[in-house]
Amino acid sequence: MEEEFVSIHISPLIGRMEQSATKARNDTRLIVGQRVPEFSLANYDDEDVALFDLLAERDFVLIDFWASWCAPCIADFPELKKLYAAYNDEGFEIVGVSIDDNMEDWKESVDEHELPG
């Protein structure tokens, strides 16, 4: 096969299949009511933040999965901000995990909706 055909048609398909397999593996690790697996992610300033470090400092941590293109996710932001303002002093934290494909979309949405980094 020609290299251009492979790069346009085959490589993206392989990438989507790999993502799907990774998602399926990860989904089997998440069990409702059980402790979440340990993970670290980069924050807005590109510094790694470990979930278990936050759990050691805070009594309650809500993990909110969202994306810049997800209207229902964005519609929840005002309520999440109210919860954070009301309970942060009592040991409550929200960890927002973006599932955007690129950092630019994520950062633009954080700025637009005035979310903590």
N, C-alpha and C. Protein backbone atom coordinates (compact mmCIF):
# COMPACT_ATOMS: atom_id res chain seq x y z
N MET A 1 0.84 -1.18 0.00
CA MET A 1 0.00 0.00 0.00
C MET A 1 0.88 1.24 0.00
N GLU A 2 0.34 2.27 -0.61
CA GLU A 2 1.09 3.52 -0.64
C GLU A 2 1.11 4.17 0.74
N GLU A 3 2.22 4.83 1.03
CA GLU A 3 2.41 5.45 2.34
C GLU A 3 1.32 6.48 2.63
N GLU A 4 0.94 7.26 1.65
CA GLU A 4 -0.09 8.28 1.85
C GLU A 4 -1.44 7.64 2.21
N PHE A 5 -1.81 6.57 1.53
CA PHE A 5 -3.06 5.87 1.83
C PHE A 5 -3.06 5.35 3.27
N VAL A 6 -1.94 4.76 3.66
CA VAL A 6 -1.81 4.23 5.02
C VAL A 6 -1.95 5.35 6.04
N SER A 7 -1.28 6.48 5.80
CA SER A 7 -1.32 7.58 6.77
C SER A 7 -2.70 8.23 6.85
N ILE A 8 -3.44 8.23 5.77
CA ILE A 8 -4.77 8.86 5.75
C ILE A 8 -5.85 7.91 6.27
N HIS A 9 -5.79 6.65 5.89
CA HIS A 9 -6.88 5.72 6.17
C HIS A 9 -6.57 4.67 7.23
N ILE A 10 -5.41 4.11 7.22
CA ILE A 10 -5.09 2.99 8.10
C ILE A 10 -4.61 3.46 9.47
N SER A 11 -3.66 4.38 9.50
CA SER A 11 -3.09 4.82 10.78
C SER A 11 -4.14 5.41 11.71
N PRO A 12 -5.05 6.29 11.24
CA PRO A 12 -6.09 6.80 12.15
C PRO A 12 -6.99 5.69 12.69
N LEU A 13 -7.30 4.71 11.86
CA LEU A 13 -8.13 3.58 12.30
C LEU A 13 -7.43 2.79 13.40
N ILE A 14 -6.15 2.54 13.22
CA ILE A 14 -5.37 1.84 14.24
C ILE A 14 -5.34 2.66 15.53
N GLY A 15 -5.17 3.96 15.41
CA GLY A 15 -5.17 4.83 16.59
C GLY A 15 -6.49 4.77 17.34
N ARG A 16 -7.61 4.80 16.62
CA ARG A 16 -8.92 4.72 17.27
C ARG A 16 -9.12 3.36 17.93
N MET A 17 -8.64 2.30 17.30
CA MET A 17 -8.76 0.97 17.88
C MET A 17 -7.92 0.87 19.16
N GLU A 18 -6.73 1.43 19.15
CA GLU A 18 -5.88 1.42 20.35
C GLU A 18 -6.53 2.20 21.48
N GLN A 19 -7.12 3.38 21.16
CA GLN A 19 -7.81 4.17 22.18
C GLN A 19 -8.98 3.40 22.76
N SER A 20 -9.72 2.72 21.91
CA SER A 20 -10.87 1.95 22.36
C SER A 20 -10.43 0.81 23.29
N ALA A 21 -9.36 0.15 22.95
CA ALA A 21 -8.85 -0.94 23.79
C ALA A 21 -8.36 -0.40 25.14
N THR A 22 -7.68 0.74 25.13
CA THR A 22 -7.22 1.35 26.37
C THR A 22 -8.40 1.74 27.24
N LYS A 23 -9.41 2.35 26.64
CA LYS A 23 -10.61 2.74 27.39
C LYS A 23 -11.28 1.51 28.01
N ALA A 24 -11.40 0.45 27.25
CA ALA A 24 -12.03 -0.77 27.77
C ALA A 24 -11.24 -1.33 28.95
N ARG A 25 -9.91 -1.34 28.86
CA ARG A 25 -9.07 -1.82 29.97
C ARG A 25 -9.26 -0.94 31.20
N ASN A 26 -9.27 0.38 30.98
CA ASN A 26 -9.44 1.31 32.10
C ASN A 26 -10.81 1.18 32.73
N ASP A 27 -11.84 0.98 31.92
CA ASP A 27 -13.20 0.86 32.46
C ASP A 27 -13.33 -0.34 33.38
N THR A 28 -12.60 -1.41 33.12
CA THR A 28 -12.70 -2.59 33.98
C THR A 28 -12.04 -2.34 35.34
N ARG A 29 -11.17 -1.34 35.42
CA ARG A 29 -10.50 -1.03 36.68
C ARG A 29 -11.36 -0.14 37.59
N LEU A 30 -12.37 0.52 37.01
CA LEU A 30 -13.22 1.42 37.79
C LEU A 30 -14.47 0.69 38.24
N ILE A 31 -14.61 0.54 39.54
CA ILE A 31 -15.75 -0.18 40.11
C ILE A 31 -16.47 0.77 41.06
N VAL A 32 -17.75 0.99 40.81
CA VAL A 32 -18.56 1.89 41.63
C VAL A 32 -18.47 1.46 43.09
N GLY A 33 -18.21 2.44 43.95
CA GLY A 33 -18.13 2.17 45.37
C GLY A 33 -16.75 1.76 45.85
N GLN A 34 -15.84 1.52 44.94
CA GLN A 34 -14.47 1.15 45.31
C GLN A 34 -13.53 2.34 45.16
N ARG A 35 -12.42 2.26 45.81
CA ARG A 35 -11.42 3.34 45.74
C ARG A 35 -10.90 3.44 44.32
N VAL A 36 -10.76 4.65 43.86
CA VAL A 36 -10.27 4.92 42.51
C VAL A 36 -8.79 4.53 42.41
N PRO A 37 -8.34 4.05 41.25
CA PRO A 37 -6.91 3.76 41.10
C PRO A 37 -6.08 5.05 41.20
N GLU A 38 -4.89 4.91 41.67
CA GLU A 38 -4.00 6.06 41.78
C GLU A 38 -3.65 6.58 40.39
N PHE A 39 -3.67 7.91 40.24
CA PHE A 39 -3.21 8.51 38.98
C PHE A 39 -2.70 9.91 39.23
N SER A 40 -1.89 10.38 38.30
CA SER A 40 -1.37 11.75 38.31
C SER A 40 -1.64 12.34 36.94
N LEU A 41 -1.99 13.63 36.93
CA LEU A 41 -2.21 14.35 35.69
C LEU A 41 -1.59 15.73 35.79
N ALA A 42 -1.26 16.29 34.65
CA ALA A 42 -0.71 17.64 34.62
C ALA A 42 -1.84 18.64 34.82
N ASN A 43 -1.57 19.67 35.62
CA ASN A 43 -2.55 20.73 35.80
C ASN A 43 -2.35 21.81 34.73
N TYR A 44 -3.06 22.90 34.87
CA TYR A 44 -3.03 23.99 33.89
C TYR A 44 -1.61 24.50 33.67
N ASP A 45 -0.81 24.51 34.73
CA ASP A 45 0.58 25.00 34.66
C ASP A 45 1.57 23.91 34.30
N ASP A 46 1.06 22.76 33.86
CA ASP A 46 1.86 21.61 33.44
C ASP A 46 2.66 20.99 34.58
N GLU A 47 2.11 21.09 35.81
CA GLU A 47 2.71 20.45 36.97
C GLU A 47 1.90 19.20 37.29
N ASP A 48 2.58 18.10 37.56
CA ASP A 48 1.88 16.86 37.89
C ASP A 48 1.19 16.97 39.25
N VAL A 49 -0.06 16.54 39.29
CA VAL A 49 -0.83 16.50 40.53
C VAL A 49 -1.29 15.06 40.71
N ALA A 50 -0.96 14.47 41.85
CA ALA A 50 -1.33 13.09 42.15
C ALA A 50 -2.63 13.08 42.96
N LEU A 51 -3.57 12.28 42.52
CA LEU A 51 -4.85 12.19 43.22
C LEU A 51 -4.66 11.79 44.68
N PHE A 52 -3.80 10.83 44.95
CA PHE A 52 -3.64 10.36 46.32
C PHE A 52 -3.02 11.43 47.22
N ASP A 53 -2.24 12.36 46.65
CA ASP A 53 -1.74 13.48 47.44
C ASP A 53 -2.90 14.37 47.88
N LEU A 54 -3.84 14.62 46.96
CA LEU A 54 -5.02 15.40 47.32
C LEU A 54 -5.87 14.68 48.36
N LEU A 55 -6.01 13.37 48.20
CA LEU A 55 -6.80 12.60 49.16
C LEU A 55 -6.17 12.64 50.56
N ALA A 56 -4.86 12.76 50.63
CA ALA A 56 -4.18 12.85 51.92
C ALA A 56 -4.44 14.20 52.59
N GLU A 57 -4.69 15.23 51.76
CA GLU A 57 -4.89 16.59 52.29
C GLU A 57 -6.36 16.93 52.50
N ARG A 58 -7.27 16.28 51.78
CA ARG A 58 -8.69 16.64 51.78
C ARG A 58 -9.55 15.47 52.24
N ASP A 59 -10.69 15.80 52.85
CA ASP A 59 -11.61 14.77 53.31
C ASP A 59 -12.45 14.20 52.18
N PHE A 60 -12.84 15.07 51.24
CA PHE A 60 -13.71 14.66 50.13
C PHE A 60 -13.15 15.21 48.83
N VAL A 61 -13.04 14.33 47.83
CA VAL A 61 -12.56 14.76 46.52
C VAL A 61 -13.54 14.25 45.47
N LEU A 62 -14.10 15.18 44.71
CA LEU A 62 -14.99 14.85 43.60
C LEU A 62 -14.18 14.89 42.32
N ILE A 63 -14.23 13.82 41.55
CA ILE A 63 -13.54 13.78 40.26
C ILE A 63 -14.59 14.03 39.18
N ASP A 64 -14.43 15.13 38.46
CA ASP A 64 -15.38 15.54 37.43
C ASP A 64 -14.72 15.37 36.06
N PHE A 65 -15.22 14.41 35.28
CA PHE A 65 -14.73 14.21 33.92
C PHE A 65 -15.55 15.09 32.99
N TRP A 66 -14.88 15.86 32.15
CA TRP A 66 -15.57 16.80 31.29
C TRP A 66 -14.76 17.02 30.01
N ALA A 67 -15.36 17.76 29.07
CA ALA A 67 -14.66 18.14 27.84
C ALA A 67 -15.20 19.48 27.37
N SER A 68 -14.38 20.21 26.65
CA SER A 68 -14.77 21.54 26.18
C SER A 68 -15.95 21.49 25.22
N TRP A 69 -16.16 20.37 24.55
CA TRP A 69 -17.24 20.20 23.58
C TRP A 69 -18.50 19.60 24.20
N CYS A 70 -18.49 19.31 25.50
CA CYS A 70 -19.60 18.62 26.16
C CYS A 70 -20.53 19.64 26.83
N ALA A 71 -21.65 19.94 26.18
CA ALA A 71 -22.60 20.92 26.71
C ALA A 71 -23.13 20.55 28.09
N PRO A 72 -23.52 19.28 28.35
CA PRO A 72 -23.99 18.94 29.70
C PRO A 72 -22.90 19.13 30.77
N CYS A 73 -21.66 18.85 30.40
CA CYS A 73 -20.54 19.05 31.34
C CYS A 73 -20.43 20.53 31.70
N ILE A 74 -20.43 21.36 30.71
CA ILE A 74 -20.29 22.80 30.91
C ILE A 74 -21.49 23.36 31.68
N ALA A 75 -22.67 22.80 31.44
CA ALA A 75 -23.86 23.24 32.16
C ALA A 75 -23.74 22.96 33.67
N ASP A 76 -22.93 21.99 34.06
CA ASP A 76 -22.73 21.66 35.47
C ASP A 76 -21.75 22.60 36.18
N PHE A 77 -20.96 23.35 35.43
CA PHE A 77 -19.92 24.18 36.04
C PHE A 77 -20.46 25.14 37.11
N PRO A 78 -21.56 25.86 36.87
CA PRO A 78 -22.04 26.78 37.92
C PRO A 78 -22.35 26.06 39.24
N GLU A 79 -22.98 24.89 39.17
CA GLU A 79 -23.28 24.15 40.40
C GLU A 79 -22.00 23.65 41.07
N LEU A 80 -21.05 23.19 40.27
CA LEU A 80 -19.78 22.72 40.84
C LEU A 80 -19.06 23.88 41.53
N LYS A 81 -19.11 25.06 40.93
CA LYS A 81 -18.48 26.23 41.55
C LYS A 81 -19.15 26.56 42.88
N LYS A 82 -20.48 26.45 42.93
CA LYS A 82 -21.22 26.71 44.19
C LYS A 82 -20.83 25.69 45.26
N LEU A 83 -20.76 24.42 44.88
CA LEU A 83 -20.34 23.38 45.82
C LEU A 83 -18.95 23.65 46.36
N TYR A 84 -18.05 23.99 45.47
CA TYR A 84 -16.67 24.27 45.85
C TYR A 84 -16.61 25.44 46.83
N ALA A 85 -17.32 26.52 46.50
CA ALA A 85 -17.32 27.70 47.37
C ALA A 85 -17.92 27.39 48.74
N ALA A 86 -18.95 26.57 48.77
CA ALA A 86 -19.63 26.27 50.02
C ALA A 86 -18.84 25.31 50.92
N TYR A 87 -18.10 24.37 50.33
CA TYR A 87 -17.51 23.30 51.13
C TYR A 87 -15.99 23.18 51.08
N ASN A 88 -15.33 24.03 50.34
CA ASN A 88 -13.88 23.94 50.23
C ASN A 88 -13.20 24.08 51.58
N ASP A 89 -13.69 25.00 52.41
CA ASP A 89 -13.09 25.20 53.73
C ASP A 89 -13.29 24.01 54.67
N GLU A 90 -14.19 23.10 54.30
CA GLU A 90 -14.47 21.93 55.12
C GLU A 90 -13.77 20.67 54.60
N GLY A 91 -12.79 20.85 53.72
CA GLY A 91 -12.02 19.71 53.23
C GLY A 91 -12.50 19.12 51.92
N PHE A 92 -13.27 19.89 51.15
CA PHE A 92 -13.81 19.42 49.87
C PHE A 92 -12.97 19.96 48.72
N GLU A 93 -12.68 19.11 47.75
CA GLU A 93 -11.91 19.50 46.56
C GLU A 93 -12.55 18.89 45.33
N ILE A 94 -12.44 19.59 44.23
CA ILE A 94 -12.91 19.07 42.94
C ILE A 94 -11.70 18.92 42.03
N VAL A 95 -11.55 17.75 41.45
CA VAL A 95 -10.50 17.50 40.46
C VAL A 95 -11.20 17.38 39.11
N GLY A 96 -10.95 18.33 38.24
CA GLY A 96 -11.52 18.29 36.90
C GLY A 96 -10.58 17.57 35.97
N VAL A 97 -11.08 16.54 35.30
CA VAL A 97 -10.28 15.76 34.36
C VAL A 97 -10.88 15.96 32.98
N SER A 98 -10.16 16.67 32.13
CA SER A 98 -10.63 16.93 30.78
C SER A 98 -10.30 15.74 29.88
N ILE A 99 -11.26 15.39 29.04
CA ILE A 99 -11.01 14.32 28.07
C ILE A 99 -10.85 14.90 26.67
N ASP A 100 -10.49 16.19 26.60
CA ASP A 100 -10.23 16.82 25.31
C ASP A 100 -9.04 16.17 24.63
N ASP A 101 -9.03 16.23 23.30
CA ASP A 101 -7.95 15.65 22.53
C ASP A 101 -6.69 16.50 22.52
N ASN A 102 -6.85 17.81 22.76
CA ASN A 102 -5.65 18.64 22.76
C ASN A 102 -5.71 19.67 23.88
N MET A 103 -4.54 20.07 24.30
CA MET A 103 -4.40 20.96 25.44
C MET A 103 -4.96 22.35 25.16
N GLU A 104 -4.90 22.81 23.92
CA GLU A 104 -5.39 24.15 23.60
C GLU A 104 -6.89 24.27 23.88
N ASP A 105 -7.68 23.28 23.45
CA ASP A 105 -9.12 23.30 23.70
C ASP A 105 -9.41 23.30 25.20
N TRP A 106 -8.68 22.47 25.92
CA TRP A 106 -8.85 22.37 27.36
C TRP A 106 -8.55 23.71 28.04
N LYS A 107 -7.39 24.29 27.74
CA LYS A 107 -7.00 25.54 28.39
C LYS A 107 -7.93 26.69 28.01
N GLU A 108 -8.36 26.75 26.74
CA GLU A 108 -9.30 27.80 26.34
C GLU A 108 -10.60 27.68 27.11
N SER A 109 -11.08 26.46 27.32
CA SER A 109 -12.33 26.25 28.04
C SER A 109 -12.16 26.59 29.53
N VAL A 110 -11.02 26.25 30.11
CA VAL A 110 -10.74 26.60 31.51
C VAL A 110 -10.79 28.12 31.66
N ASP A 111 -10.15 28.83 30.74
CA ASP A 111 -10.14 30.29 30.79
C ASP A 111 -11.55 30.87 30.57
N GLU A 112 -12.23 30.35 29.56
CA GLU A 112 -13.56 30.87 29.22
C GLU A 112 -14.54 30.71 30.37
N HIS A 113 -14.50 29.57 31.05
CA HIS A 113 -15.47 29.29 32.11
C HIS A 113 -14.94 29.60 33.50
N GLU A 114 -13.75 30.23 33.53
CA GLU A 114 -13.13 30.67 34.77
C GLU A 114 -13.03 29.55 35.81
N LEU A 115 -12.47 28.43 35.34
CA LEU A 115 -12.27 27.28 36.22
C LEU A 115 -10.89 27.37 36.86
N PRO A 116 -10.74 26.84 38.07
CA PRO A 116 -9.40 26.78 38.64
C PRO A 116 -8.49 25.90 37.80
N GLY A 117 -7.24 26.23 37.67
CA GLY A 117 -6.30 25.47 36.86
C GLY A 117 -5.84 24.27 37.58
